Protein backbone atom coordinates (compact mmCIF):
# COMPACT_ATOMS: atom_id res chain seq x y z
CA MET A 1 13.13 5.46 11.01
CA LEU A 2 15.81 7.83 9.90
CA LYS A 3 16.59 11.02 12.17
CA ASP A 4 15.26 14.14 10.88
CA LEU A 5 14.14 12.68 7.26
CA SER A 6 11.02 14.79 7.73
CA LYS A 7 13.25 17.79 8.05
CA PHE A 8 15.07 16.94 5.53
CA THR A 9 12.03 15.96 2.93
CA GLN A 10 10.50 19.72 3.73
CA GLY A 11 13.78 21.57 2.49
CA ILE A 12 14.04 19.36 -0.60
CA PHE A 13 9.88 19.55 -2.05
CA GLY A 14 9.05 22.83 0.17
CA VAL A 15 6.14 21.53 1.84
CA ALA A 16 5.34 19.76 5.07
CA ALA A 17 6.40 16.16 5.83
CA ARG A 18 5.60 13.60 9.04
CA ILE A 19 6.38 10.24 9.58
CA GLY A 20 3.30 8.14 8.79
CA TYR A 21 2.39 5.64 11.67
CA PRO A 22 -0.03 3.00 10.19
CA SER A 23 -3.89 2.89 12.22
CA GLY A 24 -7.22 1.20 11.76
CA LEU A 25 -6.30 -2.51 11.74
CA ASN A 26 -7.26 -4.90 14.49
CA GLY A 27 -5.14 -7.72 15.87
CA MET A 28 -1.63 -7.51 16.08
CA VAL A 29 -1.23 -4.23 16.39
CA GLU A 30 1.58 -3.58 18.87
CA GLU A 31 3.98 -5.68 16.36
CA ILE A 32 2.70 -4.01 13.09
CA SER A 33 2.32 0.03 14.15
CA ASP A 34 5.77 0.61 13.08
CA PRO A 35 6.46 3.46 10.15
CA SER A 36 7.97 0.73 8.29
CA PHE A 37 4.27 -1.22 8.08
CA ALA A 38 2.67 1.96 7.09
CA CYS A 39 3.13 0.93 3.26
CA VAL A 40 1.58 -2.84 4.11
CA GLN A 41 -1.28 -1.36 6.07
CA GLY A 42 -2.18 1.09 3.33
CA LEU A 43 -2.27 -1.99 1.13
CA ILE A 44 -4.18 -4.10 3.44
CA LYS A 45 -6.77 -1.37 4.22
CA HIS A 46 -7.09 -0.36 0.16
CA ALA A 47 -8.02 -4.22 -0.54
CA ILE A 48 -9.94 -4.63 1.74
CA ASP A 49 -12.36 -1.62 1.29
CA ASP A 50 -11.86 -1.72 -2.51
CA GLU A 51 -14.82 -3.91 -4.28
CA VAL A 52 -13.23 -5.37 -6.73
CA ASP A 53 -14.80 -8.07 -9.05
CA VAL A 54 -12.44 -10.83 -9.38
CA ASP A 55 -13.21 -13.67 -11.81
CA THR A 56 -12.09 -16.95 -10.53
CA THR A 57 -12.59 -19.00 -13.32
CA LYS A 58 -9.73 -19.86 -15.78
CA SER A 59 -9.44 -19.09 -19.69
CA LYS A 60 -7.00 -19.11 -21.83
CA SER A 61 -7.88 -15.48 -22.63
CA SER A 62 -6.84 -13.98 -19.06
CA GLY A 63 -3.18 -14.19 -20.05
CA THR A 64 -0.46 -15.41 -17.80
CA PHE A 65 0.17 -15.10 -14.11
CA LYS A 66 2.78 -11.93 -14.85
CA ASN A 67 0.10 -10.49 -16.91
CA ARG A 68 -2.37 -10.79 -14.04
CA VAL A 69 -0.24 -9.27 -11.86
CA VAL A 70 1.20 -6.38 -13.68
CA GLU A 71 -2.90 -5.53 -14.33
CA TRP A 72 -3.82 -5.78 -11.13
CA PHE A 73 -0.63 -3.13 -9.79
CA LYS A 74 -2.04 -0.98 -13.18
CA SER A 75 -5.57 -0.90 -11.42
CA LEU A 76 -3.83 0.76 -8.04
CA ILE A 77 -2.70 3.35 -9.54
CA PRO A 78 -5.33 6.01 -9.81
């Protein structure tokens, strides 16, 4: 949303750059079609498209909530 940001990043990184606009989700499109929602929409689409096997049973070996969140974030990194 910053003026001339794509020109600035092209100069710094030496590669083509553009402002990303989210697309591909239905409902409330006008409210979330701003570039500031691109990352959130991408995460939602990833969660919808990814076939993750979620174990809903509780056990002591699963660790603390914090560890489970950390492991979930690590699973998002390619």
